[in-house]
Amino acid sequence: MSAQVQNGSRGPVVAPVRPQAASSSQPAAVSGTGASRTVDSFGGAAGSKEVTAYVNGKPSQITVVPVGNGQYLRADAADAYQRMEAAARKAGINISAGSGFRDMKQQQYLWDGYQAKLRGEKWAQSFNKAARPGFSNHQNGIAMDVEGTHKSYKSAAYQWLAKHAKEYGFVNDVSGEPWHWTYRNKVQ
């Protein structure tokens, strides 16, 4: 069985779904590679999941929280992102979650596509930059590809984010990607 995972403007990523048996403290609603589970009301926020994250290639367990559009971020980044999105909306700017936390299989798919694009393979020309699996801030739950920037540094959404995202701890840290924002927890 597989499920399509939305990946912002890059299109869906197909990832296998392995349901786990439900118990009184662990519901069965899971997705990804089997390395995640839904956290119930005894263990975390509604809809939050415990997942395997990666920082500099090293795995660790973190809790990710839903932020809309089926996307997740690490709990502290999710809180900041949701406050930032609400502030943008209040200012008349429409942004939304495009691609947040990625498991290893999703990141591998994007990396393989990006590498194929660099080799000039025609099927892969729509792929954007992708970090090596295990080294993406998406895999640490702190990066969000924000919808609404229309892939342009001149868009109203990007201009608003450039001026205000730092107030919520986010920075645009990937050259050529006005949609990519990383939570650095340094509110200015």
Protein backbone atom coordinates (compact mmCIF):
# COMPACT_ATOMS: atom_id res chain seq x y z
CA MET A 1 0.00 0.00 0.00
CA SER A 2 1.25 3.52 -0.71
CA ALA A 3 0.13 7.09 -0.17
CA GLN A 4 0.90 10.30 -1.96
CA VAL A 5 2.58 12.82 0.30
CA GLN A 6 2.16 16.40 -0.85
CA ASN A 7 5.45 18.09 -1.53
CA GLY A 8 4.43 21.66 -2.21
CA SER A 9 4.92 22.86 -5.75
CA ARG A 10 7.19 19.92 -6.49
CA GLY A 11 4.29 17.47 -6.70
CA PRO A 12 3.50 14.37 -4.68
CA VAL A 13 6.03 12.00 -3.17
CA VAL A 14 4.89 8.38 -3.02
CA ALA A 15 5.69 6.74 0.29
CA PRO A 16 4.59 3.36 1.65
CA VAL A 17 2.05 3.24 4.45
CA ARG A 18 2.47 0.57 7.09
CA PRO A 19 -0.42 0.57 9.56
CA GLN A 20 0.45 -0.42 13.10
CA ALA A 21 -1.85 -2.27 15.44
CA ALA A 22 -3.92 0.00 17.65
CA SER A 23 -3.69 -0.15 21.41
CA SER A 24 -5.31 1.92 24.13
CA SER A 25 -2.32 4.28 24.16
CA GLN A 26 -1.26 4.05 20.52
CA PRO A 27 -3.83 4.60 17.74
CA ALA A 28 -3.18 3.01 14.35
CA ALA A 29 -3.24 6.21 12.24
CA VAL A 30 0.28 6.39 10.87
CA SER A 31 1.99 7.25 7.61
CA GLY A 32 5.50 7.26 6.27
CA THR A 33 7.96 4.42 6.56
CA GLY A 34 6.81 2.89 9.81
CA ALA A 35 9.17 5.10 11.82
CA SER A 36 6.33 7.30 13.04
CA ARG A 37 3.32 6.90 15.28
CA THR A 38 0.44 9.12 16.28
CA VAL A 39 0.77 10.45 19.80
CA ASP A 40 -2.46 10.25 21.77
CA SER A 41 -3.88 12.63 24.35
CA PHE A 42 -1.63 11.06 26.99
CA GLY A 43 1.57 11.67 25.03
CA GLY A 44 1.29 14.89 23.06
CA ALA A 45 -0.73 17.34 21.02
CA ALA A 46 -3.61 16.06 18.92
CA GLY A 47 -2.24 14.77 15.65
CA SER A 48 1.38 14.98 16.76
CA LYS A 49 3.71 12.16 15.80
CA GLU A 50 6.97 10.80 17.11
CA VAL A 51 9.34 10.46 14.14
CA THR A 52 12.95 9.72 13.33
CA ALA A 53 14.68 13.00 12.55
CA TYR A 54 18.19 13.56 11.21
CA VAL A 55 20.76 16.22 12.04
CA ASN A 56 24.11 15.97 10.23
CA GLY A 57 23.32 12.37 9.32
CA LYS A 58 22.59 11.25 12.88
CA PRO A 59 19.11 9.96 13.76
CA SER A 60 17.10 11.02 16.81
CA GLN A 61 13.46 10.92 17.88
CA ILE A 62 11.42 14.14 17.80
CA THR A 63 7.76 15.08 18.00
CA VAL A 64 6.27 16.80 14.97
CA VAL A 65 2.98 18.70 15.02
CA PRO A 66 0.54 19.29 12.14
CA VAL A 67 0.62 22.82 10.68
CA GLY A 68 -1.93 22.46 7.86
CA ASN A 69 -2.14 20.92 4.39
CA GLY A 70 -0.98 17.58 5.81
CA GLN A 71 2.41 19.04 6.75
CA TYR A 72 4.30 18.75 10.06
CA LEU A 73 7.09 20.63 11.84
CA ARG A 74 8.98 20.03 15.07
CA ALA A 75 6.75 21.25 17.93
CA ASP A 76 8.59 24.55 18.62
CA ALA A 77 8.93 25.36 14.90
CA ALA A 78 5.24 24.48 14.36
CA ASP A 79 4.13 26.96 17.02
CA ALA A 80 6.28 29.72 15.49
CA TYR A 81 5.15 28.86 11.94
CA GLN A 82 1.46 28.94 12.86
CA ARG A 83 1.87 32.33 14.57
CA MET A 84 3.73 33.63 11.50
CA GLU A 85 1.06 32.33 9.10
CA ALA A 86 -1.69 33.95 11.21
CA ALA A 87 0.18 37.28 11.24
CA ALA A 88 0.63 37.13 7.47
CA ARG A 89 -3.08 36.41 7.00
CA LYS A 90 -3.94 39.36 9.28
CA ALA A 91 -1.75 41.53 7.02
CA GLY A 92 -3.61 40.29 3.93
CA ILE A 93 -0.85 37.90 2.82
CA ASN A 94 -1.88 34.35 1.95
CA ILE A 95 0.79 31.78 2.80
CA SER A 96 0.40 28.13 3.69
CA ALA A 97 2.43 25.02 4.46
CA GLY A 98 3.84 23.41 1.33
CA SER A 99 6.42 20.85 2.46
CA GLY A 100 7.58 20.46 6.05
CA PHE A 101 9.00 17.40 7.82
CA ARG A 102 10.28 14.69 5.48
CA ASP A 103 11.17 11.14 6.39
CA MET A 104 14.22 9.42 4.91
CA LYS A 105 12.32 7.87 2.00
CA GLN A 106 10.87 11.25 0.94
CA GLN A 107 14.25 12.97 1.13
CA GLN A 108 15.92 10.15 -0.80
CA TYR A 109 13.31 10.51 -3.57
CA LEU A 110 13.95 14.27 -3.85
CA TRP A 111 17.75 13.80 -3.72
CA ASP A 112 17.64 11.15 -6.46
CA GLY A 113 15.51 13.43 -8.64
CA TYR A 114 17.82 16.40 -8.08
CA GLN A 115 20.88 14.31 -8.92
CA ALA A 116 19.19 13.06 -12.11
CA LYS A 117 18.42 16.68 -13.04
CA LEU A 118 22.11 17.58 -12.58
CA ARG A 119 23.00 14.71 -14.94
CA GLY A 120 20.62 16.23 -17.52
CA GLU A 121 17.99 13.50 -17.41
CA LYS A 122 14.85 14.96 -18.99
CA TRP A 123 12.36 13.24 -16.66
CA ALA A 124 13.90 15.02 -13.67
CA GLN A 125 13.93 18.62 -14.92
CA SER A 126 11.14 19.70 -12.54
CA PHE A 127 13.15 18.78 -9.41
CA ASN A 128 14.57 21.56 -7.26
CA LYS A 129 17.66 21.55 -5.06
CA ALA A 130 17.61 18.83 -2.44
CA ALA A 131 19.97 18.13 0.42
CA ARG A 132 21.62 14.75 0.78
CA PRO A 133 19.40 12.39 2.82
CA GLY A 134 20.12 12.77 6.52
CA PHE A 135 21.34 16.35 6.07
CA SER A 136 18.15 18.27 5.21
CA ASN A 137 16.59 20.69 7.67
CA HIS A 138 13.27 19.25 6.49
CA GLN A 139 14.35 15.97 8.11
CA ASN A 140 14.89 17.78 11.41
CA GLY A 141 11.39 19.24 11.27
CA ILE A 142 12.59 22.85 11.13
CA ALA A 143 12.23 23.73 7.41
CA MET A 144 9.05 24.68 5.58
CA ASP A 145 8.56 25.27 1.89
CA VAL A 146 5.98 28.05 2.07
CA GLU A 147 3.23 28.19 -0.54
CA GLY A 148 2.20 31.63 -1.75
CA THR A 149 5.62 32.92 -2.79
CA HIS A 150 4.94 31.81 -6.38
CA LYS A 151 8.64 30.92 -6.56
CA SER A 152 9.46 34.61 -6.79
CA TYR A 153 11.50 36.96 -4.64
CA LYS A 154 9.23 39.72 -5.96
CA SER A 155 5.96 38.20 -4.67
CA ALA A 156 4.04 39.98 -1.91
CA ALA A 157 4.32 36.83 0.22
CA TYR A 158 8.11 36.71 -0.09
CA GLN A 159 8.40 40.44 0.60
CA TRP A 160 6.29 40.05 3.76
CA LEU A 161 8.30 37.01 4.88
CA ALA A 162 11.61 38.79 4.21
CA LYS A 163 10.49 41.61 6.48
CA HIS A 164 8.71 39.62 9.23
CA ALA A 165 9.81 35.95 9.30
CA LYS A 166 12.77 36.73 11.58
CA GLU A 167 10.26 37.94 14.20
CA TYR A 168 9.15 34.30 14.40
CA GLY A 169 12.62 32.77 14.18
CA PHE A 170 12.59 31.88 10.45
CA VAL A 171 15.25 32.64 7.84
CA ASN A 172 15.37 32.11 4.07
CA ASP A 173 18.62 30.16 3.91
CA VAL A 174 18.64 28.39 0.54
CA SER A 175 19.81 30.53 -2.37
CA GLY A 176 17.39 30.50 -5.28
CA GLU A 177 14.47 29.18 -3.20
CA PRO A 178 12.23 32.02 -2.00
CA TRP A 179 9.81 29.40 -0.65
CA HIS A 180 12.31 27.69 1.71
CA TRP A 181 12.23 28.97 5.31
CA THR A 182 14.13 27.43 8.22
CA TYR A 183 13.33 27.89 11.89
CA ARG A 184 16.44 29.00 13.77
CA ASN A 185 14.76 29.96 17.05
CA LYS A 186 16.47 33.35 17.02
CA VAL A 187 13.57 35.76 17.22
CA GLN A 188 14.57 39.29 16.25
